[in-house]
Amino acid sequence: LFGGTDAVVKYLLEGHDRGVNWASFHHSLPLIISGADDRQVKLWRMNETKAWEVDTMRGHTNNVSCVIFHPRRDLIVSNSEDRSIRVWDISRRVGVQTFRREHDRFWILAAHPEHNLLAA
């Protein structure tokens, strides 16, 4: 992997009840976020030897397709087959905003590294 043949699995994140669709690393903190077909967004902390579940955010009513950390604010952004994009506060671990498009489905998210812009 990445030009070598000695890649190893460092962390096994066990906690979702159904298949995981996305996982992302935080840009500066030892955190991972994941989203899955169990309709949940999970926050994980990691150190040099292990990773463990910190909390679960619930609110999507269908499979979570993508989840990312906002690059400049303490927010998590997720999208789902329920046709919504949800914004979560990392410290309080609650939803703070929901965007819906009744006739559209969001598959993937991207955040601009310097501006407060999201693409879906």
C-alpha atoms as a PDB file:
ATOM      1  CA  LEU A   1       0.000   0.000   0.000  1.00  0.00           C
ATOM      2  CA  PHE A   2       1.356   3.428  -0.892  1.00  0.00           C
ATOM      3  CA  GLY A   3       4.309   1.899  -2.696  1.00  0.00           C
ATOM      4  CA  GLY A   4       5.184  -0.768  -0.137  1.00  0.00           C
ATOM      5  CA  THR A   5       4.141  -4.289   0.647  1.00  0.00           C
ATOM      6  CA  ASP A   6       4.249  -4.125   4.442  1.00  0.00           C
ATOM      7  CA  ALA A   7       0.955  -2.365   5.226  1.00  0.00           C
ATOM      8  CA  VAL A   8      -0.693  -3.423   8.481  1.00  0.00           C
ATOM      9  CA  VAL A   9      -4.075  -2.799  10.067  1.00  0.00           C
ATOM     10  CA  LYS A  10      -3.463  -0.452  12.991  1.00  0.00           C
ATOM     11  CA  TYR A  11      -7.005   0.009  14.323  1.00  0.00           C
ATOM     12  CA  LEU A  12     -10.112  -2.112  14.059  1.00  0.00           C
ATOM     13  CA  LEU A  13     -13.168   0.028  14.775  1.00  0.00           C
ATOM     14  CA  GLU A  14     -15.894  -2.236  16.135  1.00  0.00           C
ATOM     15  CA  GLY A  15     -19.195  -0.687  17.093  1.00  0.00           C
ATOM     16  CA  HIS A  16     -21.469  -0.231  14.095  1.00  0.00           C
ATOM     17  CA  ASP A  17     -24.284  -2.762  13.717  1.00  0.00           C
ATOM     18  CA  ARG A  18     -24.157  -2.727   9.906  1.00  0.00           C
ATOM     19  CA  GLY A  19     -21.636  -1.991   7.159  1.00  0.00           C
ATOM     20  CA  VAL A  20     -19.453   1.105   7.440  1.00  0.00           C
ATOM     21  CA  ASN A  21     -19.596   3.342   4.356  1.00  0.00           C
ATOM     22  CA  TRP A  22     -17.131   6.068   5.324  1.00  0.00           C
ATOM     23  CA  ALA A  23     -14.443   6.962   7.853  1.00  0.00           C
ATOM     24  CA  SER A  24     -12.378  10.154   8.123  1.00  0.00           C
ATOM     25  CA  PHE A  25      -9.478  11.333  10.257  1.00  0.00           C
ATOM     26  CA  HIS A  26      -9.544  14.692  12.025  1.00  0.00           C
ATOM     27  CA  HIS A  27      -6.961  17.081  10.580  1.00  0.00           C
ATOM     28  CA  SER A  28      -5.216  17.816  13.911  1.00  0.00           C
ATOM     29  CA  LEU A  29      -6.815  15.846  16.768  1.00  0.00           C
ATOM     30  CA  PRO A  30      -6.559  12.080  17.424  1.00  0.00           C
ATOM     31  CA  LEU A  31     -10.146  11.515  16.273  1.00  0.00           C
ATOM     32  CA  ILE A  32     -11.878   9.400  13.637  1.00  0.00           C
ATOM     33  CA  ILE A  33     -15.473   9.728  12.485  1.00  0.00           C
ATOM     34  CA  SER A  34     -17.460   6.960  10.776  1.00  0.00           C
ATOM     35  CA  GLY A  35     -20.874   6.536   9.171  1.00  0.00           C
ATOM     36  CA  ALA A  36     -22.691   3.308   8.377  1.00  0.00           C
ATOM     37  CA  ASP A  37     -25.798   1.478   7.225  1.00  0.00           C
ATOM     38  CA  ASP A  38     -26.987   1.389  10.848  1.00  0.00           C
ATOM     39  CA  ARG A  39     -27.908   5.091  10.333  1.00  0.00           C
ATOM     40  CA  GLN A  40     -25.379   6.198  12.927  1.00  0.00           C
ATOM     41  CA  VAL A  41     -22.393   8.527  13.010  1.00  0.00           C
ATOM     42  CA  LYS A  42     -19.718   7.412  15.464  1.00  0.00           C
ATOM     43  CA  LEU A  43     -16.866   9.408  16.969  1.00  0.00           C
ATOM     44  CA  TRP A  44     -13.666   7.531  17.865  1.00  0.00           C
ATOM     45  CA  ARG A  45     -10.514   8.546  19.728  1.00  0.00           C
ATOM     46  CA  MET A  46      -7.157   6.964  18.967  1.00  0.00           C
ATOM     47  CA  ASN A  47      -3.684   6.732  20.430  1.00  0.00           C
ATOM     48  CA  GLU A  48      -0.551   4.886  19.342  1.00  0.00           C
ATOM     49  CA  THR A  49      -1.909   1.435  20.168  1.00  0.00           C
ATOM     50  CA  LYS A  50      -5.715   1.481  19.896  1.00  0.00           C
ATOM     51  CA  ALA A  51      -8.873   3.317  18.918  1.00  0.00           C
ATOM     52  CA  TRP A  52     -12.097   3.336  20.930  1.00  0.00           C
ATOM     53  CA  GLU A  53     -15.639   4.617  20.509  1.00  0.00           C
ATOM     54  CA  VAL A  54     -16.371   7.937  22.220  1.00  0.00           C
ATOM     55  CA  ASP A  55     -19.977   8.577  21.249  1.00  0.00           C
ATOM     56  CA  THR A  56     -22.750   7.925  18.732  1.00  0.00           C
ATOM     57  CA  MET A  57     -24.820  10.564  16.969  1.00  0.00           C
ATOM     58  CA  ARG A  58     -28.292   9.517  15.867  1.00  0.00           C
ATOM     59  CA  GLY A  59     -30.773  11.344  13.692  1.00  0.00           C
ATOM     60  CA  HIS A  60     -30.449  10.027  10.157  1.00  0.00           C
ATOM     61  CA  THR A  61     -33.347   7.827   9.098  1.00  0.00           C
ATOM     62  CA  ASN A  62     -31.446   5.879   6.443  1.00  0.00           C
ATOM     63  CA  ASN A  63     -27.893   4.732   5.664  1.00  0.00           C
ATOM     64  CA  VAL A  64     -25.116   7.282   6.280  1.00  0.00           C
ATOM     65  CA  SER A  65     -23.074   7.609   3.080  1.00  0.00           C
ATOM     66  CA  CYS A  66     -20.324  10.044   4.014  1.00  0.00           C
ATOM     67  CA  VAL A  67     -19.085  11.871   7.108  1.00  0.00           C
ATOM     68  CA  ILE A  68     -16.308  14.437   7.477  1.00  0.00           C
ATOM     69  CA  PHE A  69     -14.809  16.821   9.990  1.00  0.00           C
ATOM     70  CA  HIS A  70     -15.187  20.506   9.152  1.00  0.00           C
ATOM     71  CA  PRO A  71     -11.624  21.768   8.521  1.00  0.00           C
ATOM     72  CA  ARG A  72     -11.938  25.006  10.520  1.00  0.00           C
ATOM     73  CA  ARG A  73     -14.715  24.548  13.070  1.00  0.00           C
ATOM     74  CA  ASP A  74     -15.569  21.923  15.697  1.00  0.00           C
ATOM     75  CA  LEU A  75     -18.233  20.369  13.509  1.00  0.00           C
ATOM     76  CA  ILE A  76     -18.971  17.044  11.863  1.00  0.00           C
ATOM     77  CA  VAL A  77     -20.944  16.946   8.610  1.00  0.00           C
ATOM     78  CA  SER A  78     -22.756  13.810   7.444  1.00  0.00           C
ATOM     79  CA  ASN A  79     -25.044  12.888   4.580  1.00  0.00           C
ATOM     80  CA  SER A  80     -27.452  10.029   4.196  1.00  0.00           C
ATOM     81  CA  GLU A  81     -29.792   8.158   1.917  1.00  0.00           C
ATOM     82  CA  ASP A  82     -32.549   9.951   3.873  1.00  0.00           C
ATOM     83  CA  ARG A  83     -31.806  12.942   1.562  1.00  0.00           C
ATOM     84  CA  SER A  84     -30.345  15.074   4.304  1.00  0.00           C
ATOM     85  CA  ILE A  85     -27.065  16.658   5.277  1.00  0.00           C
ATOM     86  CA  ARG A  86     -26.646  17.025   9.030  1.00  0.00           C
ATOM     87  CA  VAL A  87     -24.215  19.211  10.933  1.00  0.00           C
ATOM     88  CA  TRP A  88     -23.150  18.024  14.391  1.00  0.00           C
ATOM     89  CA  ASP A  89     -21.368  19.879  17.192  1.00  0.00           C
ATOM     90  CA  ILE A  90     -18.290  17.836  18.173  1.00  0.00           C
ATOM     91  CA  SER A  91     -18.100  18.927  21.810  1.00  0.00           C
ATOM     92  CA  ARG A  92     -21.827  18.607  22.591  1.00  0.00           C
ATOM     93  CA  ARG A  93     -22.350  15.735  20.116  1.00  0.00           C
ATOM     94  CA  VAL A  94     -25.747  17.009  19.016  1.00  0.00           C
ATOM     95  CA  GLY A  95     -27.205  17.988  15.684  1.00  0.00           C
ATOM     96  CA  VAL A  96     -27.140  21.725  15.095  1.00  0.00           C
ATOM     97  CA  GLN A  97     -28.477  21.981  11.532  1.00  0.00           C
ATOM     98  CA  THR A  98     -30.156  19.833   8.883  1.00  0.00           C
ATOM     99  CA  PHE A  99     -30.389  20.501   5.158  1.00  0.00           C
ATOM    100  CA  ARG A 100     -32.900  18.543   3.069  1.00  0.00           C
ATOM    101  CA  ARG A 101     -33.530  18.168  -0.648  1.00  0.00           C
ATOM    102  CA  GLU A 102     -36.714  16.184  -1.203  1.00  0.00           C
ATOM    103  CA  HIS A 103     -35.843  15.094  -4.748  1.00  0.00           C
ATOM    104  CA  ASP A 104     -32.056  14.758  -4.463  1.00  0.00           C
ATOM    105  CA  ARG A 105     -29.773  12.233  -2.846  1.00  0.00           C
ATOM    106  CA  PHE A 106     -26.342  13.182  -1.520  1.00  0.00           C
ATOM    107  CA  TRP A 107     -23.551  10.616  -1.901  1.00  0.00           C
ATOM    108  CA  ILE A 108     -20.341  12.348  -0.869  1.00  0.00           C
ATOM    109  CA  LEU A 109     -19.119  15.483   0.900  1.00  0.00           C
ATOM    110  CA  ALA A 110     -16.041  17.649   0.542  1.00  0.00           C
ATOM    111  CA  ALA A 111     -14.973  20.670   2.570  1.00  0.00           C
ATOM    112  CA  HIS A 112     -12.846  23.532   1.324  1.00  0.00           C
ATOM    113  CA  PRO A 113      -9.684  23.691   3.481  1.00  0.00           C
ATOM    114  CA  GLU A 114      -9.678  27.494   3.866  1.00  0.00           C
ATOM    115  CA  HIS A 115     -13.215  28.768   3.289  1.00  0.00           C
ATOM    116  CA  ASN A 116     -16.475  27.846   4.956  1.00  0.00           C
ATOM    117  CA  LEU A 117     -17.660  25.911   1.885  1.00  0.00           C
ATOM    118  CA  LEU A 118     -19.030  22.394   1.560  1.00  0.00           C
ATOM    119  CA  ALA A 119     -19.704  20.482  -1.638  1.00  0.00           C
ATOM    120  CA  ALA A 120     -22.248  17.659  -1.780  1.00  0.00           C
END
